[in-house]
Amino acid sequence: MKIEFYRTILCPRCLYVGHALKKIVASSPHLELETIEVATNLTRTRHAGIKTVPAIRIGNNTLTGIILTPQAIRHFIEQHL
């Protein structure tokens, strides 16, 4: 399953979520993580409907928020398995 992670390089919340996602993906070989840098992919970000970062997208569903805990991220991913 493909997970898209929208982030910016300067966002500390994005860094935190990125670490959590890498751990989750490392323990689940059926997951594929694609990291999208919003600043250099504005058109793709806009077409995906992303308005804030960090944002995690699976299919047509998006999880975003100021504080995304590892538990919330795991729960979001598990809903799509």
PDB file of N, CA and C in Angstrom:
ATOM      1  N   MET A   1       0.844  -1.171   0.000  1.00  0.00           N
ATOM      2  CA  MET A   1       0.000   0.000   0.000  1.00  0.00           C
ATOM      3  C   MET A   1       0.893   1.238   0.000  1.00  0.00           C
ATOM      4  N   LYS A   2       0.524   2.206  -0.802  1.00  0.00           N
ATOM      5  CA  LYS A   2       1.321   3.421  -0.935  1.00  0.00           C
ATOM      6  C   LYS A   2       0.808   4.508   0.007  1.00  0.00           C
ATOM      7  N   ILE A   3       1.747   5.097   0.731  1.00  0.00           N
ATOM      8  CA  ILE A   3       1.458   6.212   1.629  1.00  0.00           C
ATOM      9  C   ILE A   3       2.206   7.428   1.097  1.00  0.00           C
ATOM     10  N   GLU A   4       1.475   8.521   0.894  1.00  0.00           N
ATOM     11  CA  GLU A   4       2.105   9.769   0.464  1.00  0.00           C
ATOM     12  C   GLU A   4       2.221  10.670   1.683  1.00  0.00           C
ATOM     13  N   PHE A   5       3.417  11.201   1.905  1.00  0.00           N
ATOM     14  CA  PHE A   5       3.686  12.076   3.040  1.00  0.00           C
ATOM     15  C   PHE A   5       4.075  13.446   2.502  1.00  0.00           C
ATOM     16  N   TYR A   6       3.195  14.421   2.709  1.00  0.00           N
ATOM     17  CA  TYR A   6       3.437  15.794   2.270  1.00  0.00           C
ATOM     18  C   TYR A   6       4.048  16.574   3.425  1.00  0.00           C
ATOM     19  N   ARG A   7       5.176  17.236   3.112  1.00  0.00           N
ATOM     20  CA  ARG A   7       5.897  17.945   4.171  1.00  0.00           C
ATOM     21  C   ARG A   7       6.726  19.083   3.575  1.00  0.00           C
ATOM     22  N   THR A   8       7.257  19.907   4.466  1.00  0.00           N
ATOM     23  CA  THR A   8       8.255  20.899   4.068  1.00  0.00           C
ATOM     24  C   THR A   8       9.496  20.644   4.905  1.00  0.00           C
ATOM     25  N   ILE A   9      10.626  20.935   4.344  1.00  0.00           N
ATOM     26  CA  ILE A   9      11.910  20.653   4.982  1.00  0.00           C
ATOM     27  C   ILE A   9      12.102  21.452   6.283  1.00  0.00           C
ATOM     28  N   LEU A  10      11.466  22.609   6.386  1.00  0.00           N
ATOM     29  CA  LEU A  10      11.670  23.479   7.544  1.00  0.00           C
ATOM     30  C   LEU A  10      10.659  23.273   8.667  1.00  0.00           C
ATOM     31  N   CYS A  11       9.740  22.361   8.486  1.00  0.00           N
ATOM     32  CA  CYS A  11       8.662  22.151   9.455  1.00  0.00           C
ATOM     33  C   CYS A  11       9.084  21.132  10.520  1.00  0.00           C
ATOM     34  N   PRO A  12       9.192  21.543  11.790  1.00  0.00           N
ATOM     35  CA  PRO A  12       9.578  20.584  12.829  1.00  0.00           C
ATOM     36  C   PRO A  12       8.524  19.497  13.054  1.00  0.00           C
ATOM     37  N   ARG A  13       7.254  19.828  12.870  1.00  0.00           N
ATOM     38  CA  ARG A  13       6.191  18.815  13.011  1.00  0.00           C
ATOM     39  C   ARG A  13       6.317  17.767  11.913  1.00  0.00           C
ATOM     40  N   CYS A  14       6.700  18.218  10.719  1.00  0.00           N
ATOM     41  CA  CYS A  14       6.887  17.287   9.599  1.00  0.00           C
ATOM     42  C   CYS A  14       8.041  16.334   9.885  1.00  0.00           C
ATOM     43  N   LEU A  15       9.088  16.835  10.484  1.00  0.00           N
ATOM     44  CA  LEU A  15      10.232  16.004  10.841  1.00  0.00           C
ATOM     45  C   LEU A  15       9.804  14.907  11.815  1.00  0.00           C
ATOM     46  N   TYR A  16       9.023  15.284  12.809  1.00  0.00           N
ATOM     47  CA  TYR A  16       8.524  14.327  13.805  1.00  0.00           C
ATOM     48  C   TYR A  16       7.661  13.250  13.146  1.00  0.00           C
ATOM     49  N   VAL A  17       6.730  13.671  12.299  1.00  0.00           N
ATOM     50  CA  VAL A  17       5.842  12.727  11.618  1.00  0.00           C
ATOM     51  C   VAL A  17       6.644  11.838  10.670  1.00  0.00           C
ATOM     52  N   GLY A  18       7.635  12.419  10.008  1.00  0.00           N
ATOM     53  CA  GLY A  18       8.482  11.640   9.099  1.00  0.00           C
ATOM     54  C   GLY A  18       9.201  10.512   9.819  1.00  0.00           C
ATOM     55  N   HIS A  19       9.722  10.793  11.012  1.00  0.00           N
ATOM     56  CA  HIS A  19      10.389   9.746  11.795  1.00  0.00           C
ATOM     57  C   HIS A  19       9.402   8.646  12.180  1.00  0.00           C
ATOM     58  N   ALA A  20       8.208   9.043  12.605  1.00  0.00           N
ATOM     59  CA  ALA A  20       7.199   8.056  12.996  1.00  0.00           C
ATOM     60  C   ALA A  20       6.800   7.195  11.803  1.00  0.00           C
ATOM     61  N   LEU A  21       6.600   7.815  10.642  1.00  0.00           N
ATOM     62  CA  LEU A  21       6.231   7.064   9.441  1.00  0.00           C
ATOM     63  C   LEU A  21       7.323   6.089   9.026  1.00  0.00           C
ATOM     64  N   LYS A  22       8.575   6.505   9.093  1.00  0.00           N
ATOM     65  CA  LYS A  22       9.682   5.623   8.714  1.00  0.00           C
ATOM     66  C   LYS A  22       9.722   4.383   9.602  1.00  0.00           C
ATOM     67  N   LYS A  23       9.459   4.553  10.892  1.00  0.00           N
ATOM     68  CA  LYS A  23       9.441   3.411  11.806  1.00  0.00           C
ATOM     69  C   LYS A  23       8.299   2.455  11.470  1.00  0.00           C
ATOM     70  N   ILE A  24       7.135   3.018  11.178  1.00  0.00           N
ATOM     71  CA  ILE A  24       5.972   2.193  10.850  1.00  0.00           C
ATOM     72  C   ILE A  24       6.224   1.417   9.565  1.00  0.00           C
ATOM     73  N   VAL A  25       6.739   2.093   8.546  1.00  0.00           N
ATOM     74  CA  VAL A  25       6.992   1.458   7.251  1.00  0.00           C
ATOM     75  C   VAL A  25       8.094   0.401   7.369  1.00  0.00           C
ATOM     76  N   ALA A  26       9.097   0.668   8.187  1.00  0.00           N
ATOM     77  CA  ALA A  26      10.190  -0.289   8.355  1.00  0.00           C
ATOM     78  C   ALA A  26       9.702  -1.605   8.958  1.00  0.00           C
ATOM     79  N   SER A  27       8.666  -1.537   9.780  1.00  0.00           N
ATOM     80  CA  SER A  27       8.155  -2.756  10.411  1.00  0.00           C
ATOM     81  C   SER A  27       7.028  -3.412   9.604  1.00  0.00           C
ATOM     82  N   SER A  28       6.669  -2.817   8.475  1.00  0.00           N
ATOM     83  CA  SER A  28       5.595  -3.357   7.638  1.00  0.00           C
ATOM     84  C   SER A  28       6.033  -3.365   6.179  1.00  0.00           C
ATOM     85  N   PRO A  29       6.562  -4.483   5.687  1.00  0.00           N
ATOM     86  CA  PRO A  29       7.111  -4.527   4.330  1.00  0.00           C
ATOM     87  C   PRO A  29       6.096  -4.284   3.220  1.00  0.00           C
ATOM     88  N   HIS A  30       4.804  -4.410   3.503  1.00  0.00           N
ATOM     89  CA  HIS A  30       3.780  -4.189   2.481  1.00  0.00           C
ATOM     90  C   HIS A  30       3.444  -2.705   2.295  1.00  0.00           C
ATOM     91  N   LEU A  31       4.066  -1.831   3.108  1.00  0.00           N
ATOM     92  CA  LEU A  31       3.823  -0.394   2.999  1.00  0.00           C
ATOM     93  C   LEU A  31       4.942   0.270   2.201  1.00  0.00           C
ATOM     94  N   GLU A  32       4.568   1.220   1.371  1.00  0.00           N
ATOM     95  CA  GLU A  32       5.528   1.995   0.573  1.00  0.00           C
ATOM     96  C   GLU A  32       5.317   3.469   0.899  1.00  0.00           C
ATOM     97  N   LEU A  33       6.381   4.151   1.284  1.00  0.00           N
ATOM     98  CA  LEU A  33       6.306   5.562   1.663  1.00  0.00           C
ATOM     99  C   LEU A  33       6.902   6.435   0.570  1.00  0.00           C
ATOM    100  N   GLU A  34       6.131   7.413   0.129  1.00  0.00           N
ATOM    101  CA  GLU A  34       6.625   8.421  -0.807  1.00  0.00           C
ATOM    102  C   GLU A  34       6.541   9.775  -0.109  1.00  0.00           C
ATOM    103  N   THR A  35       7.678  10.451   0.006  1.00  0.00           N
ATOM    104  CA  THR A  35       7.727  11.761   0.642  1.00  0.00           C
ATOM    105  C   THR A  35       7.688  12.832  -0.430  1.00  0.00           C
ATOM    106  N   ILE A  36       6.753  13.761  -0.286  1.00  0.00           N
ATOM    107  CA  ILE A  36       6.592  14.836  -1.262  1.00  0.00           C
ATOM    108  C   ILE A  36       6.920  16.165  -0.578  1.00  0.00           C
ATOM    109  N   GLU A  37       7.922  16.841  -1.107  1.00  0.00           N
ATOM    110  CA  GLU A  37       8.297  18.170  -0.615  1.00  0.00           C
ATOM    111  C   GLU A  37       7.334  19.173  -1.253  1.00  0.00           C
ATOM    112  N   VAL A  38       6.524  19.800  -0.422  1.00  0.00           N
ATOM    113  CA  VAL A  38       5.471  20.697  -0.900  1.00  0.00           C
ATOM    114  C   VAL A  38       6.050  21.883  -1.673  1.00  0.00           C
ATOM    115  N   ALA A  39       7.141  22.447  -1.203  1.00  0.00           N
ATOM    116  CA  ALA A  39       7.710  23.639  -1.832  1.00  0.00           C
ATOM    117  C   ALA A  39       8.138  23.409  -3.274  1.00  0.00           C
ATOM    118  N   THR A  40       8.499  22.186  -3.619  1.00  0.00           N
ATOM    119  CA  THR A  40       8.951  21.904  -4.979  1.00  0.00           C
ATOM    120  C   THR A  40       7.931  21.112  -5.791  1.00  0.00           C
ATOM    121  N   ASN A  41       6.782  20.838  -5.199  1.00  0.00           N
ATOM    122  CA  ASN A  41       5.716  20.093  -5.880  1.00  0.00           C
ATOM    123  C   ASN A  41       4.356  20.755  -5.637  1.00  0.00           C
ATOM    124  N   LEU A  42       4.275  22.042  -5.929  1.00  0.00           N
ATOM    125  CA  LEU A  42       3.062  22.802  -5.624  1.00  0.00           C
ATOM    126  C   LEU A  42       1.840  22.307  -6.399  1.00  0.00           C
ATOM    127  N   THR A  43       2.016  22.003  -7.674  1.00  0.00           N
ATOM    128  CA  THR A  43       0.881  21.558  -8.487  1.00  0.00           C
ATOM    129  C   THR A  43       0.345  20.230  -7.974  1.00  0.00           C
ATOM    130  N   ARG A  44       1.232  19.297  -7.721  1.00  0.00           N
ATOM    131  CA  ARG A  44       0.809  17.987  -7.213  1.00  0.00           C
ATOM    132  C   ARG A  44       0.116  18.131  -5.857  1.00  0.00           C
ATOM    133  N   THR A  45       0.675  18.972  -5.012  1.00  0.00           N
ATOM    134  CA  THR A  45       0.100  19.199  -3.685  1.00  0.00           C
ATOM    135  C   THR A  45      -1.301  19.778  -3.806  1.00  0.00           C
ATOM    136  N   ARG A  46      -1.462  20.763  -4.665  1.00  0.00           N
ATOM    137  CA  ARG A  46      -2.766  21.391  -4.863  1.00  0.00           C
ATOM    138  C   ARG A  46      -3.779  20.382  -5.409  1.00  0.00           C
ATOM    139  N   HIS A  47      -3.378  19.578  -6.382  1.00  0.00           N
ATOM    140  CA  HIS A  47      -4.276  18.573  -6.960  1.00  0.00           C
ATOM    141  C   HIS A  47      -4.672  17.510  -5.933  1.00  0.00           C
ATOM    142  N   ALA A  48      -3.809  17.251  -4.987  1.00  0.00           N
ATOM    143  CA  ALA A  48      -4.120  16.279  -3.931  1.00  0.00           C
ATOM    144  C   ALA A  48      -5.026  16.870  -2.858  1.00  0.00           C
ATOM    145  N   GLY A  49      -5.237  18.186  -2.902  1.00  0.00           N
ATOM    146  CA  GLY A  49      -6.101  18.838  -1.919  1.00  0.00           C
ATOM    147  C   GLY A  49      -5.413  19.128  -0.600  1.00  0.00           C
ATOM    148  N   ILE A  50      -4.098  19.105  -0.590  1.00  0.00           N
ATOM    149  CA  ILE A  50      -3.335  19.346   0.636  1.00  0.00           C
ATOM    150  C   ILE A  50      -3.243  20.854   0.868  1.00  0.00           C
ATOM    151  N   LYS A  51      -3.673  21.293   2.062  1.00  0.00           N
ATOM    152  CA  LYS A  51      -3.649  22.716   2.382  1.00  0.00           C
ATOM    153  C   LYS A  51      -2.767  23.036   3.574  1.00  0.00           C
ATOM    154  N   THR A  52      -2.370  22.006   4.296  1.00  0.00           N
ATOM    155  CA  THR A  52      -1.511  22.196   5.461  1.00  0.00           C
ATOM    156  C   THR A  52      -0.597  20.982   5.603  1.00  0.00           C
ATOM    157  N   VAL A  53       0.531  21.190   6.245  1.00  0.00           N
ATOM    158  CA  VAL A  53       1.469  20.091   6.487  1.00  0.00           C
ATOM    159  C   VAL A  53       1.708  19.972   7.983  1.00  0.00           C
ATOM    160  N   PRO A  54       2.069  18.813   8.445  1.00  0.00           N
ATOM    161  CA  PRO A  54       2.240  17.565   7.735  1.00  0.00           C
ATOM    162  C   PRO A  54       0.906  16.974   7.318  1.00  0.00           C
ATOM    163  N   ALA A  55       0.932  16.231   6.218  1.00  0.00           N
ATOM    164  CA  ALA A  55      -0.264  15.555   5.725  1.00  0.00           C
ATOM    165  C   ALA A  55       0.122  14.173   5.214  1.00  0.00           C
ATOM    166  N   ILE A  56      -0.697  13.197   5.551  1.00  0.00           N
ATOM    167  CA  ILE A  56      -0.504  11.824   5.096  1.00  0.00           C
ATOM    168  C   ILE A  56      -1.714  11.471   4.253  1.00  0.00           C
ATOM    169  N   ARG A  57      -1.453  10.945   3.069  1.00  0.00           N
ATOM    170  CA  ARG A  57      -2.547  10.612   2.143  1.00  0.00           C
ATOM    171  C   ARG A  57      -2.431   9.150   1.721  1.00  0.00           C
ATOM    172  N   ILE A  58      -3.552   8.458   1.827  1.00  0.00           N
ATOM    173  CA  ILE A  58      -3.671   7.084   1.353  1.00  0.00           C
ATOM    174  C   ILE A  58      -4.913   7.058   0.471  1.00  0.00           C
ATOM    175  N   GLY A  59      -4.715   6.770  -0.800  1.00  0.00           N
ATOM    176  CA  GLY A  59      -5.850   6.810  -1.729  1.00  0.00           C
ATOM    177  C   GLY A  59      -6.393   8.221  -1.800  1.00  0.00           C
ATOM    178  N   ASN A  60      -7.685   8.369  -1.525  1.00  0.00           N
ATOM    179  CA  ASN A  60      -8.316   9.689  -1.531  1.00  0.00           C
ATOM    180  C   ASN A  60      -8.518  10.247  -0.133  1.00  0.00           C
ATOM    181  N   ASN A  61      -7.967   9.581   0.881  1.00  0.00           N
ATOM    182  CA  ASN A  61      -8.140  10.011   2.269  1.00  0.00           C
ATOM    183  C   ASN A  61      -6.866  10.663   2.788  1.00  0.00           C
ATOM    184  N   THR A  62      -7.056  11.724   3.568  1.00  0.00           N
ATOM    185  CA  THR A  62      -5.926  12.495   4.082  1.00  0.00           C
ATOM    186  C   THR A  62      -6.031  12.646   5.589  1.00  0.00           C
ATOM    187  N   LEU A  63      -4.902  12.494   6.253  1.00  0.00           N
ATOM    188  CA  LEU A  63      -4.782  12.756   7.683  1.00  0.00           C
ATOM    189  C   LEU A  63      -3.846  13.942   7.831  1.00  0.00           C
ATOM    190  N   THR A  64      -4.297  14.973   8.496  1.00  0.00           N
ATOM    191  CA  THR A  64      -3.478  16.150   8.715  1.00  0.00           C
ATOM    192  C   THR A  64      -3.795  16.721  10.087  1.00  0.00           C
ATOM    193  N   GLY A  65      -2.907  17.496  10.612  1.00  0.00           N
ATOM    194  CA  GLY A  65      -3.144  18.103  11.911  1.00  0.00           C
ATOM    195  C   GLY A  65      -1.879  18.698  12.473  1.00  0.00           C
ATOM    196  N   ILE A  66      -2.049  19.571  13.433  1.00  0.00           N
ATOM    197  CA  ILE A  66      -0.900  20.228  14.045  1.00  0.00           C
ATOM    198  C   ILE A  66      -0.048  19.214  14.783  1.00  0.00           C
ATOM    199  N   ILE A  67      -0.704  18.317  15.491  1.00  0.00           N
ATOM    200  CA  ILE A  67       0.030  17.272  16.216  1.00  0.00           C
ATOM    201  C   ILE A  67      -0.512  15.917  15.785  1.00  0.00           C
ATOM    202  N   LEU A  68       0.295  15.182  15.037  1.00  0.00           N
ATOM    203  CA  LEU A  68      -0.061  13.833  14.631  1.00  0.00           C
ATOM    204  C   LEU A  68       0.791  12.870  15.445  1.00  0.00           C
ATOM    205  N   THR A  69       0.156  12.148  16.331  1.00  0.00           N
ATOM    206  CA  THR A  69       0.883  11.197  17.172  1.00  0.00           C
ATOM    207  C   THR A  69       1.135   9.911  16.392  1.00  0.00           C
ATOM    208  N   PRO A  70       2.148   9.149  16.793  1.00  0.00           N
ATOM    209  CA  PRO A  70       2.367   7.849  16.151  1.00  0.00           C
ATOM    210  C   PRO A  70       1.127   6.955  16.221  1.00  0.00           C
ATOM    211  N   GLN A  71       0.371   7.039  17.312  1.00  0.00           N
ATOM    212  CA  GLN A  71      -0.841   6.234  17.450  1.00  0.00           C
ATOM    213  C   GLN A  71      -1.895   6.649  16.419  1.00  0.00           C
ATOM    214  N   ALA A  72      -2.060   7.948  16.209  1.00  0.00           N
ATOM    215  CA  ALA A  72      -3.033   8.443  15.227  1.00  0.00           C
ATOM    216  C   ALA A  72      -2.618   8.035  13.816  1.00  0.00           C
ATOM    217  N   ILE A  73      -1.329   8.083  13.544  1.00  0.00           N
ATOM    218  CA  ILE A  73      -0.816   7.697  12.232  1.00  0.00           C
ATOM    219  C   ILE A  73      -1.060   6.209  11.992  1.00  0.00           C
ATOM    220  N   ARG A  74      -0.724   5.382  12.982  1.00  0.00           N
ATOM    221  CA  ARG A  74      -0.943   3.941  12.878  1.00  0.00           C
ATOM    222  C   ARG A  74      -2.421   3.615  12.654  1.00  0.00           C
ATOM    223  N   HIS A  75      -3.266   4.285  13.406  1.00  0.00           N
ATOM    224  CA  HIS A  75      -4.715   4.046  13.292  1.00  0.00           C
ATOM    225  C   HIS A  75      -5.193   4.397  11.874  1.00  0.00           C
ATOM    226  N   PHE A  76      -4.734   5.507  11.338  1.00  0.00           N
ATOM    227  CA  PHE A  76      -5.104   5.934   9.989  1.00  0.00           C
ATOM    228  C   PHE A  76      -4.664   4.898   8.957  1.00  0.00           C
ATOM    229  N   ILE A  77      -3.440   4.407   9.100  1.00  0.00           N
ATOM    230  CA  ILE A  77      -2.924   3.403   8.173  1.00  0.00           C
ATOM    231  C   ILE A  77      -3.718   2.096   8.298  1.00  0.00           C
ATOM    232  N   GLU A  78      -3.979   1.663   9.518  1.00  0.00           N
ATOM    233  CA  GLU A  78      -4.711   0.412   9.748  1.00  0.00           C
ATOM    234  C   GLU A  78      -6.116   0.456   9.162  1.00  0.00           C
ATOM    235  N   GLN A  79      -6.733   1.631   9.107  1.00  0.00           N
ATOM    236  CA  GLN A  79      -8.065   1.763   8.531  1.00  0.00           C
ATOM    237  C   GLN A  79      -8.059   1.437   7.032  1.00  0.00           C
ATOM    238  N   HIS A  80      -6.900   1.533   6.402  1.00  0.00           N
ATOM    239  CA  HIS A  80      -6.800   1.330   4.957  1.00  0.00           C
ATOM    240  C   HIS A  80      -6.215  -0.016   4.560  1.00  0.00           C
ATOM    241  N   LEU A  81      -5.930  -0.862   5.522  1.00  0.00           N
ATOM    242  CA  LEU A  81      -5.368  -2.182   5.204  1.00  0.00           C
ATOM    243  C   LEU A  81      -6.446  -3.151   4.773  1.00  0.00           C
TER     244      LEU A  81
END
